[in-house]
Amino acid sequence: MSEHHSGPVETGASMDYKEHEKTYDLFIAGTKYGTAILVALMIAMAAGFFGGAGLIGGFFIWIVLSVAGVFMMR
């Protein structure tokens, strides 16, 4: 069932601004750290495929760059 609100439609329902800010902060953090890990993955794939590091070398490069990127983002 839909909720019934009193008052003008333009004002809408009351918002939980604290929860909204919490969700926004989590989204921004996820985007920031996810981007850092994906950039590290792309660099590691380039090192593994084109640089001659191979699968194991690319994996280690990805781990090192991911940890360094997340540490620098804090």
N, C-alpha and C. Protein backbone atom coordinates (compact mmCIF):
# COMPACT_ATOMS: atom_id res chain seq x y z
N MET A 1 0.83 -1.17 0.00
CA MET A 1 0.00 0.00 0.00
C MET A 1 0.88 1.24 0.00
N SER A 2 0.39 2.24 -0.62
CA SER A 2 1.15 3.49 -0.66
C SER A 2 0.93 4.27 0.63
N GLU A 3 1.90 5.09 0.94
CA GLU A 3 1.80 5.91 2.14
C GLU A 3 1.01 7.17 1.81
N HIS A 4 0.28 7.65 2.77
CA HIS A 4 -0.48 8.88 2.59
C HIS A 4 0.20 9.98 3.39
N HIS A 5 0.59 11.03 2.70
CA HIS A 5 1.25 12.15 3.34
C HIS A 5 0.32 13.35 3.32
N SER A 6 0.32 14.07 4.39
CA SER A 6 -0.48 15.29 4.42
C SER A 6 0.39 16.46 3.99
N GLY A 7 -0.21 17.46 3.44
CA GLY A 7 0.53 18.63 3.01
C GLY A 7 0.68 18.66 1.50
N PRO A 8 1.33 19.68 0.99
CA PRO A 8 1.50 19.82 -0.46
C PRO A 8 2.39 18.71 -1.04
N VAL A 9 2.09 18.35 -2.26
CA VAL A 9 2.85 17.30 -2.94
C VAL A 9 4.29 17.75 -3.21
N GLU A 10 4.49 19.03 -3.42
CA GLU A 10 5.81 19.55 -3.77
C GLU A 10 6.83 19.31 -2.65
N THR A 11 6.40 19.30 -1.41
CA THR A 11 7.34 19.13 -0.30
C THR A 11 7.73 17.67 -0.12
N GLY A 12 6.89 16.74 -0.51
CA GLY A 12 7.22 15.32 -0.42
C GLY A 12 7.28 14.83 1.01
N ALA A 13 7.77 13.63 1.16
CA ALA A 13 7.88 13.02 2.48
C ALA A 13 9.14 13.52 3.17
N SER A 14 9.14 13.41 4.48
CA SER A 14 10.34 13.81 5.21
C SER A 14 11.46 12.81 4.92
N MET A 15 12.69 13.32 4.86
CA MET A 15 13.83 12.47 4.52
C MET A 15 14.69 12.22 5.75
N ASP A 16 15.33 11.07 5.73
CA ASP A 16 16.31 10.74 6.77
C ASP A 16 17.67 11.16 6.23
N TYR A 17 18.05 12.40 6.49
CA TYR A 17 19.27 12.96 5.91
C TYR A 17 20.53 12.27 6.42
N LYS A 18 20.50 11.80 7.64
CA LYS A 18 21.67 11.11 8.19
C LYS A 18 21.93 9.81 7.41
N GLU A 19 20.89 9.06 7.13
CA GLU A 19 21.02 7.82 6.35
C GLU A 19 21.41 8.13 4.91
N HIS A 20 20.89 9.21 4.36
CA HIS A 20 21.23 9.61 3.00
C HIS A 20 22.72 9.95 2.90
N GLU A 21 23.24 10.68 3.85
CA GLU A 21 24.67 11.02 3.86
C GLU A 21 25.53 9.78 4.02
N LYS A 22 25.10 8.85 4.85
CA LYS A 22 25.84 7.60 5.06
C LYS A 22 25.91 6.78 3.77
N THR A 23 24.79 6.68 3.07
CA THR A 23 24.75 5.95 1.81
C THR A 23 25.63 6.63 0.76
N TYR A 24 25.58 7.94 0.69
CA TYR A 24 26.40 8.69 -0.27
C TYR A 24 27.88 8.50 0.02
N ASP A 25 28.26 8.56 1.29
CA ASP A 25 29.68 8.38 1.64
C ASP A 25 30.16 6.97 1.29
N LEU A 26 29.32 5.95 1.51
CA LEU A 26 29.70 4.58 1.14
C LEU A 26 29.82 4.43 -0.37
N PHE A 27 28.93 5.06 -1.12
CA PHE A 27 29.01 5.00 -2.58
C PHE A 27 30.29 5.65 -3.09
N ILE A 28 30.63 6.82 -2.56
CA ILE A 28 31.84 7.52 -2.98
C ILE A 28 33.08 6.70 -2.62
N ALA A 29 33.11 6.11 -1.42
CA ALA A 29 34.26 5.29 -1.01
C ALA A 29 34.39 4.07 -1.91
N GLY A 30 33.28 3.41 -2.21
CA GLY A 30 33.32 2.25 -3.09
C GLY A 30 33.80 2.59 -4.48
N THR A 31 33.36 3.73 -4.99
CA THR A 31 33.79 4.18 -6.32
C THR A 31 35.27 4.50 -6.32
N LYS A 32 35.73 5.17 -5.29
CA LYS A 32 37.14 5.59 -5.21
C LYS A 32 38.07 4.38 -5.13
N TYR A 33 37.78 3.48 -4.20
CA TYR A 33 38.65 2.32 -4.02
C TYR A 33 38.51 1.32 -5.18
N GLY A 34 37.31 1.19 -5.72
CA GLY A 34 37.11 0.32 -6.88
C GLY A 34 37.88 0.80 -8.08
N THR A 35 37.91 2.10 -8.30
CA THR A 35 38.67 2.67 -9.41
C THR A 35 40.16 2.44 -9.23
N ALA A 36 40.65 2.61 -8.00
CA ALA A 36 42.08 2.38 -7.74
C ALA A 36 42.45 0.93 -8.01
N ILE A 37 41.62 0.00 -7.61
CA ILE A 37 41.92 -1.42 -7.83
C ILE A 37 41.84 -1.78 -9.31
N LEU A 38 40.87 -1.21 -10.03
CA LEU A 38 40.78 -1.49 -11.46
C LEU A 38 41.93 -0.89 -12.26
N VAL A 39 42.39 0.28 -11.87
CA VAL A 39 43.57 0.87 -12.53
C VAL A 39 44.79 -0.01 -12.28
N ALA A 40 44.93 -0.49 -11.04
CA ALA A 40 46.05 -1.39 -10.73
C ALA A 40 45.94 -2.68 -11.55
N LEU A 41 44.73 -3.17 -11.74
CA LEU A 41 44.53 -4.38 -12.55
C LEU A 41 44.94 -4.16 -14.00
N MET A 42 44.58 -3.01 -14.56
CA MET A 42 44.95 -2.72 -15.94
C MET A 42 46.47 -2.61 -16.11
N ILE A 43 47.13 -1.98 -15.16
CA ILE A 43 48.59 -1.87 -15.22
C ILE A 43 49.23 -3.25 -15.08
N ALA A 44 48.70 -4.07 -14.17
CA ALA A 44 49.24 -5.42 -13.98
C ALA A 44 49.01 -6.30 -15.21
N MET A 45 47.87 -6.14 -15.84
CA MET A 45 47.61 -6.91 -17.06
C MET A 45 48.57 -6.49 -18.18
N ALA A 46 48.83 -5.20 -18.28
CA ALA A 46 49.77 -4.74 -19.29
C ALA A 46 51.17 -5.27 -19.00
N ALA A 47 51.57 -5.28 -17.73
CA ALA A 47 52.89 -5.82 -17.36
C ALA A 47 52.96 -7.32 -17.62
N GLY A 48 51.88 -8.01 -17.34
CA GLY A 48 51.87 -9.46 -17.54
C GLY A 48 51.85 -9.86 -19.00
N PHE A 49 51.06 -9.17 -19.81
CA PHE A 49 50.90 -9.56 -21.20
C PHE A 49 52.00 -9.00 -22.10
N PHE A 50 52.33 -7.74 -21.89
CA PHE A 50 53.27 -7.07 -22.81
C PHE A 50 54.66 -6.89 -22.22
N GLY A 51 54.77 -6.89 -20.91
CA GLY A 51 56.05 -6.64 -20.27
C GLY A 51 56.84 -7.90 -19.96
N GLY A 52 56.23 -9.04 -20.16
CA GLY A 52 56.94 -10.28 -19.92
C GLY A 52 56.91 -10.75 -18.48
N ALA A 53 56.06 -10.16 -17.64
CA ALA A 53 55.98 -10.57 -16.24
C ALA A 53 55.24 -11.89 -16.08
N GLY A 54 54.37 -12.22 -17.00
CA GLY A 54 53.63 -13.46 -16.93
C GLY A 54 52.46 -13.38 -15.94
N LEU A 55 51.80 -14.51 -15.74
CA LEU A 55 50.63 -14.56 -14.88
C LEU A 55 50.96 -14.29 -13.42
N ILE A 56 51.96 -14.97 -12.90
CA ILE A 56 52.33 -14.81 -11.49
C ILE A 56 52.90 -13.42 -11.24
N GLY A 57 53.73 -12.94 -12.12
CA GLY A 57 54.29 -11.59 -11.97
C GLY A 57 53.22 -10.52 -12.05
N GLY A 58 52.27 -10.68 -12.97
CA GLY A 58 51.16 -9.73 -13.08
C GLY A 58 50.28 -9.75 -11.85
N PHE A 59 50.09 -10.94 -11.29
CA PHE A 59 49.28 -11.04 -10.07
C PHE A 59 49.96 -10.32 -8.92
N PHE A 60 51.26 -10.51 -8.75
CA PHE A 60 51.99 -9.83 -7.67
C PHE A 60 52.03 -8.32 -7.89
N ILE A 61 52.18 -7.90 -9.12
CA ILE A 61 52.15 -6.47 -9.42
C ILE A 61 50.79 -5.89 -9.06
N TRP A 62 49.71 -6.63 -9.38
CA TRP A 62 48.36 -6.17 -9.06
C TRP A 62 48.16 -6.04 -7.55
N ILE A 63 48.64 -7.02 -6.79
CA ILE A 63 48.50 -6.97 -5.33
C ILE A 63 49.26 -5.76 -4.77
N VAL A 64 50.49 -5.58 -5.20
CA VAL A 64 51.31 -4.48 -4.68
C VAL A 64 50.69 -3.13 -5.05
N LEU A 65 50.27 -2.96 -6.31
CA LEU A 65 49.67 -1.69 -6.73
C LEU A 65 48.33 -1.44 -6.06
N SER A 66 47.56 -2.49 -5.83
CA SER A 66 46.26 -2.33 -5.15
C SER A 66 46.46 -1.87 -3.72
N VAL A 67 47.38 -2.50 -3.01
CA VAL A 67 47.64 -2.10 -1.63
C VAL A 67 48.19 -0.68 -1.57
N ALA A 68 49.10 -0.36 -2.49
CA ALA A 68 49.66 0.99 -2.50
C ALA A 68 48.59 2.03 -2.86
N GLY A 69 47.73 1.72 -3.82
CA GLY A 69 46.67 2.65 -4.20
C GLY A 69 45.66 2.89 -3.10
N VAL A 70 45.23 1.82 -2.42
CA VAL A 70 44.28 1.97 -1.32
C VAL A 70 44.93 2.73 -0.17
N PHE A 71 46.20 2.46 0.09
CA PHE A 71 46.90 3.18 1.16
C PHE A 71 47.02 4.66 0.85
N MET A 72 47.29 5.00 -0.41
CA MET A 72 47.43 6.41 -0.78
C MET A 72 46.09 7.13 -0.81
N MET A 73 44.99 6.41 -1.00
CA MET A 73 43.66 7.03 -1.04
C MET A 73 43.15 7.41 0.34
N ARG A 74 43.70 6.81 1.38
CA ARG A 74 43.21 7.09 2.72
C ARG A 74 43.57 8.43 3.13
